[in-house]
């Protein structure tokens, strides 16, 4: 039996100042990977300059979640990945705020500090909700938007997810976290992987020890519990505020080319939300990946990279002025072929039917 290849190392990073606080940012090397030689003839064309991108992780995640996808995107994008305040290696904000608006302020401040112009913005789960807020309020900073299982409000009650609103109750969240922290770090890491992956065996074994070591480190800090509970409260508040409509109204304001990816077997964000997303986003392609959980960019990075390639190609053809006139379409879904190369572009028209029942 052939051993799976060793995963690539996580990208190096550093703390970046955003005024009165810092965030940890991982960056790819300045040098793009050398293209493979396919011909003895010299191509007179200069390679297209790589464009800036920024990746925003989800709840309990970190910038390490984007390592493999960033590598696959390097021929086209030079991507950074940040640790949101209180997560990964970023200290908390001095004001202790974890609302979606506060986290969006952090992302905006980082983009403005980098000064490289509009970015291709990518977000997963909580990070997806944050990126929606950024794109709705500061469209001048965004070239394209990619959302992977975005944690946008879902009004339907799910008994298997009641632990999240329960953790928002004052005093209850901290008590529940203390109970979880009594479990060995190895068990807690395994539980997160089992929740987020459709097939936990796809998580590289070589990275398990590093995640356990990181959890040991964070257990010794005094703010990770507050960051987790604060972020869960923020997501719960978004669901309760106006029945979740304000967050979806933000989504409806976004006109940049958008890709929204759902995992058919996601245990946290119901893939049926694809139906609502297709009706709300103005200029989007909606994709439901089969045999995929909550972190498609980690479980199937090649498929996600291919979908982003379609997004970038369509965006380059339409140019920066394309926007609200282009209707969203559905890319390959769980009930279709699942072949990313045949996905439609944002100009193909509005698709209203999904093999999954529409949600919301």
Foldseek 3Di string as FASTA:
>chain_A
DDDDDDDDDAADWDWDDLDPFTWIKGWDDPDFDDDDDDDPDDDPDDQDDAFEEEEEEAFQDAQSLQRVLCNLCRSHHTYMYIGQDLHDPTDHDPVLAQALVVSLVVVVSVLVVVVRWAHAYEYAASGLLSVLLNCLVPVRNHQEYEYFLYLAAFLDDDPVPVVLVQLLPPPRVVVVVVVVVVDQLLVVVQVVLVQFWLDSVLQDPVCSVVSSVSVVVSVPDDRNSSNNSNNSNNSVCCCVVVNRVVSLQSQLSRWREYEYEYEPAEPPRHLLQLLVSQVRHQQYEYEYAYNGYRSCCNNPVVLVSLLVVLSVVLSVVVDRVGTRVFHYYYFYHPVDDNDSVPGDHSNPDRDNDDPRHHGD
